[in-house]
Amino acid sequence: MHDPIRVLIRHADPLIAAGAAAALAAQLGLLVVDERSDIDVLIADYDGALAWLASTRSPWTRVLVLSSRDGEAEIRHALQRGAAGYVLGNCRLDELMAAVRSVASGRPHLCTGAAQRLAQSLMRAPLTPRETEVLRLMAQGLPNKRIASRLAIALGTVKAHNQAILAKLEARSRTEASAIAEQRGLLGPRLELVARETTMTALHHALKHEARHRAHAAHASHSQPPAAAAA
């Protein structure tokens, strides 16, 4: 009799974690364990899976991503980082079980939705690294002149990249291109970071402006001559 497949579940959503644990516990040949045990397969959310893969612990544990993130770039990134399988959150229960057994035996596994995403990406012309940079700035709403200044390239080069991006994404406008890129996961995690940095910079400038305004008002009030005493 074969030893059961030992599965550790570490998911940020407690409902998903509880549901997966209950479903796996009811299956023959699968054993849900904690981190104190030897682990054959780890089921984790996207960020948790990447964090595990980045660590040096249990390098023999095969990692199965269970996530609602369905962007082709995100799926590809997880696989490149070492994930053995990728299953979307809306998959069927039997597909999750098949994924666990598959990665445990050393075979990579993609659920139907993830496989379709990757197949579609292979049928499209990929964006170049520079086009991706331009697209990220475009998605932030920066005009062409600002993009050219930020990337230290000519304005005509930015316009050429814009045309290439629209053609490759089959978009009719910058707004549509940004929406398509967001849907396909092409903008990557840096967009949120850049947006946060942009917000903090704007807040910093606003605070400096307010401080200068208050200092000016205080100086003006002190420089005014005292009011004449009432007769």
Protein backbone atom coordinates (compact mmCIF):
# COMPACT_ATOMS: atom_id res chain seq x y z
CA MET A 1 0.00 0.00 0.00
CA HIS A 2 1.36 3.41 -1.01
CA ASP A 3 1.96 6.11 1.56
CA PRO A 4 -0.61 8.92 1.43
CA ILE A 5 0.25 12.21 -0.23
CA ARG A 6 0.89 14.68 2.58
CA VAL A 7 -0.65 18.05 1.79
CA LEU A 8 -0.17 21.33 3.64
CA ILE A 9 -2.70 24.09 2.98
CA ARG A 10 -1.60 27.68 3.53
CA HIS A 11 -4.11 30.05 1.99
CA ALA A 12 -4.80 33.68 2.88
CA ASP A 13 -8.55 33.12 2.57
CA PRO A 14 -9.65 31.05 5.59
CA LEU A 15 -12.84 29.87 3.85
CA ILE A 16 -10.89 28.54 0.88
CA ALA A 17 -8.37 26.92 3.22
CA ALA A 18 -11.11 25.24 5.26
CA GLY A 19 -12.98 24.08 2.18
CA ALA A 20 -9.87 22.64 0.55
CA ALA A 21 -8.88 20.88 3.77
CA ALA A 22 -12.31 19.30 4.14
CA ALA A 23 -12.38 18.16 0.52
CA LEU A 24 -8.87 16.68 0.64
CA ALA A 25 -9.47 14.92 3.96
CA ALA A 26 -12.35 13.01 2.38
CA GLN A 27 -10.14 11.62 -0.40
CA LEU A 28 -8.37 8.28 -0.21
CA GLY A 29 -4.60 8.53 -0.45
CA LEU A 30 -4.46 12.18 0.66
CA LEU A 31 -3.52 13.38 4.11
CA VAL A 32 -3.81 16.97 5.30
CA VAL A 33 -0.87 17.79 7.58
CA ASP A 34 0.59 20.76 9.44
CA GLU A 35 4.01 22.37 9.03
CA ARG A 36 5.58 20.05 11.59
CA SER A 37 5.19 17.10 9.23
CA ASP A 38 6.99 16.16 6.06
CA ILE A 39 5.15 17.79 3.17
CA ASP A 40 4.74 16.46 -0.34
CA VAL A 41 2.49 19.18 -1.75
CA LEU A 42 1.84 22.71 -0.58
CA ILE A 43 -1.42 24.37 -1.65
CA ALA A 44 -1.12 28.14 -1.25
CA ASP A 45 -2.46 31.43 -2.52
CA TYR A 46 -0.38 33.35 -5.06
CA ASP A 47 1.69 35.46 -2.68
CA GLY A 48 2.09 32.64 -0.19
CA ALA A 49 3.30 30.28 -2.88
CA LEU A 50 5.89 32.75 -4.17
CA ALA A 51 7.09 33.44 -0.64
CA TRP A 52 7.51 29.70 0.00
CA LEU A 53 9.37 29.25 -3.28
CA ALA A 54 11.67 32.15 -2.41
CA SER A 55 12.57 30.52 0.92
CA THR A 56 15.04 27.68 1.31
CA ARG A 57 12.87 25.46 3.46
CA SER A 58 11.48 22.17 2.12
CA PRO A 59 12.92 22.50 -1.40
CA TRP A 60 11.52 19.05 -2.19
CA THR A 61 7.94 20.17 -1.51
CA ARG A 62 6.00 20.72 -4.72
CA VAL A 63 3.98 23.94 -4.71
CA LEU A 64 0.48 24.16 -6.16
CA VAL A 65 -0.92 27.68 -6.56
CA LEU A 66 -4.65 28.02 -5.86
CA SER A 67 -5.58 31.56 -6.83
CA SER A 68 -8.14 33.75 -8.55
CA ARG A 69 -5.33 35.59 -10.33
CA ASP A 70 -5.74 34.55 -13.95
CA GLY A 71 -3.44 36.98 -15.75
CA GLU A 72 -1.15 35.24 -18.21
CA ALA A 73 1.88 37.15 -16.90
CA GLU A 74 1.08 36.14 -13.30
CA ILE A 75 0.64 32.48 -14.22
CA ARG A 76 3.87 32.46 -16.20
CA HIS A 77 5.72 34.23 -13.39
CA ALA A 78 4.60 31.66 -10.80
CA LEU A 79 5.73 28.79 -13.02
CA GLN A 80 9.06 30.46 -13.71
CA ARG A 81 9.57 30.87 -9.97
CA GLY A 82 9.18 27.13 -9.52
CA ALA A 83 5.48 26.40 -8.96
CA ALA A 84 4.63 22.84 -10.00
CA GLY A 85 0.99 23.63 -10.75
CA TYR A 86 -1.56 26.42 -11.06
CA VAL A 87 -5.26 26.06 -10.33
CA LEU A 88 -7.81 28.86 -10.49
CA GLY A 89 -10.16 29.41 -7.58
CA ASN A 90 -13.26 28.53 -9.60
CA CYS A 91 -11.99 25.10 -10.64
CA ARG A 92 -13.98 21.93 -10.00
CA LEU A 93 -13.17 19.77 -7.00
CA ASP A 94 -12.05 16.86 -9.15
CA GLU A 95 -9.64 19.16 -10.98
CA LEU A 96 -8.06 20.23 -7.70
CA MET A 97 -7.64 16.59 -6.68
CA ALA A 98 -6.12 15.75 -10.05
CA ALA A 99 -3.71 18.67 -9.67
CA VAL A 100 -2.57 17.49 -6.23
CA ARG A 101 -1.95 13.95 -7.42
CA SER A 102 -0.24 15.15 -10.59
CA VAL A 103 2.28 17.50 -8.94
CA ALA A 104 2.91 14.95 -6.18
CA SER A 105 4.04 12.48 -8.83
CA GLY A 106 6.36 15.04 -10.39
CA ARG A 107 4.17 16.11 -13.30
CA PRO A 108 3.31 19.79 -13.76
CA HIS A 109 -0.37 20.63 -13.83
CA LEU A 110 -2.39 23.57 -15.11
CA CYS A 111 -6.13 23.76 -14.72
CA THR A 112 -8.13 24.29 -17.91
CA GLY A 113 -8.50 28.04 -17.39
CA ALA A 114 -4.80 28.62 -16.70
CA ALA A 115 -3.77 26.46 -19.65
CA GLN A 116 -6.06 28.44 -21.95
CA ARG A 117 -4.58 31.70 -20.72
CA LEU A 118 -1.06 30.55 -21.50
CA ALA A 119 -2.09 29.11 -24.87
CA GLN A 120 -3.68 32.42 -25.84
CA SER A 121 -0.55 34.31 -24.83
CA LEU A 122 1.58 32.10 -27.07
CA MET A 123 -0.63 32.98 -30.03
CA ARG A 124 -0.03 36.73 -29.59
CA ALA A 125 3.02 38.81 -30.36
CA PRO A 126 4.67 39.54 -27.01
CA LEU A 127 5.44 43.05 -25.85
CA THR A 128 9.09 44.03 -25.68
CA PRO A 129 10.54 45.11 -22.32
CA ARG A 130 10.52 48.74 -23.47
CA GLU A 131 6.92 48.48 -24.68
CA THR A 132 5.97 47.08 -21.29
CA GLU A 133 7.59 50.06 -19.57
CA VAL A 134 5.72 52.47 -21.83
CA LEU A 135 2.48 50.56 -21.21
CA ARG A 136 2.86 50.80 -17.42
CA LEU A 137 3.35 54.55 -17.61
CA MET A 138 0.51 54.84 -20.09
CA ALA A 139 -1.76 52.99 -17.67
CA GLN A 140 -0.89 55.58 -15.00
CA GLY A 141 -2.25 58.27 -17.30
CA LEU A 142 1.07 59.89 -18.17
CA PRO A 143 1.10 61.82 -21.49
CA ASN A 144 3.65 60.99 -24.15
CA LYS A 145 5.97 63.87 -23.21
CA ARG A 146 6.10 62.72 -19.58
CA ILE A 147 6.76 59.14 -20.66
CA ALA A 148 9.58 60.31 -22.92
CA SER A 149 11.10 62.31 -20.08
CA ARG A 150 10.72 59.48 -17.57
CA LEU A 151 12.37 56.91 -19.86
CA ALA A 152 14.88 59.37 -21.39
CA ILE A 153 13.81 58.58 -24.93
CA ALA A 154 12.59 60.69 -27.85
CA LEU A 155 8.94 61.67 -28.11
CA GLY A 156 8.75 60.04 -31.54
CA THR A 157 10.02 56.80 -30.04
CA VAL A 158 7.25 56.87 -27.43
CA LYS A 159 4.66 57.41 -30.17
CA ALA A 160 6.08 54.47 -32.11
CA HIS A 161 5.86 52.29 -29.01
CA ASN A 162 2.27 53.42 -28.50
CA GLN A 163 1.32 52.31 -31.99
CA ALA A 164 3.05 48.94 -31.50
CA ILE A 165 1.28 48.42 -28.15
CA LEU A 166 -2.14 49.21 -29.61
CA ALA A 167 -1.52 46.83 -32.52
CA LYS A 168 -0.29 43.95 -30.35
CA LEU A 169 -3.13 44.34 -27.84
CA GLU A 170 -5.68 44.93 -30.62
CA ALA A 171 -6.79 48.09 -28.83
CA ARG A 172 -8.21 51.26 -30.34
CA SER A 173 -7.08 53.67 -27.63
CA ARG A 174 -4.68 54.07 -24.75
CA THR A 175 -7.53 53.53 -22.30
CA GLU A 176 -8.57 50.28 -23.95
CA ALA A 177 -4.95 49.13 -24.09
CA SER A 178 -4.58 49.77 -20.36
CA ALA A 179 -7.78 47.84 -19.61
CA ILE A 180 -6.67 44.88 -21.74
CA ALA A 181 -3.23 44.87 -20.12
CA GLU A 182 -4.77 44.93 -16.64
CA GLN A 183 -7.10 42.06 -17.53
CA ARG A 184 -4.25 39.98 -18.92
CA GLY A 185 -1.95 40.76 -16.01
CA LEU A 186 0.63 42.49 -18.19
CA LEU A 187 1.12 45.47 -15.92
CA GLY A 188 2.60 43.37 -13.14
CA PRO A 189 2.78 44.12 -9.41
CA ARG A 190 4.88 47.25 -9.91
CA LEU A 191 1.89 49.33 -11.06
CA GLU A 192 0.35 49.36 -7.58
CA LEU A 193 3.72 50.28 -6.07
CA VAL A 194 4.29 53.10 -8.55
CA ALA A 195 0.78 54.40 -7.99
CA ARG A 196 1.37 54.36 -4.22
CA GLU A 197 4.68 56.21 -4.68
CA THR A 198 2.97 58.76 -6.92
CA THR A 199 0.29 59.34 -4.29
CA MET A 200 2.88 59.75 -1.54
CA THR A 201 4.86 62.22 -3.67
CA ALA A 202 1.73 64.27 -4.33
CA LEU A 203 0.91 64.22 -0.61
CA HIS A 204 4.45 65.33 0.23
CA HIS A 205 4.21 68.28 -2.18
CA ALA A 206 0.79 69.23 -0.79
CA LEU A 207 2.14 69.24 2.77
CA LYS A 208 5.11 71.37 1.75
CA HIS A 209 2.78 73.81 0.00
CA GLU A 210 0.56 74.00 3.09
CA ALA A 211 3.59 74.59 5.33
CA ARG A 212 4.84 77.42 3.10
CA HIS A 213 1.37 78.96 3.04
CA ARG A 214 1.13 78.90 6.85
CA ALA A 215 4.63 80.33 7.23
CA HIS A 216 3.81 83.14 4.84
CA ALA A 217 0.56 83.90 6.67
CA ALA A 218 2.34 83.95 10.02
CA HIS A 219 5.06 86.28 8.70
CA ALA A 220 2.45 88.62 7.24
CA SER A 221 0.55 88.82 10.52
CA HIS A 222 3.71 89.66 12.49
CA SER A 223 4.84 92.32 10.00
CA GLN A 224 1.58 94.30 10.18
CA PRO A 225 1.77 97.47 12.36
CA PRO A 226 -0.22 97.31 15.61
CA ALA A 227 -3.68 98.83 15.46
CA ALA A 228 -3.99 102.34 16.81
CA ALA A 229 -5.29 102.52 20.32
CA ALA A 230 -8.86 103.63 20.68
CA ALA A 231 -9.22 107.29 21.70
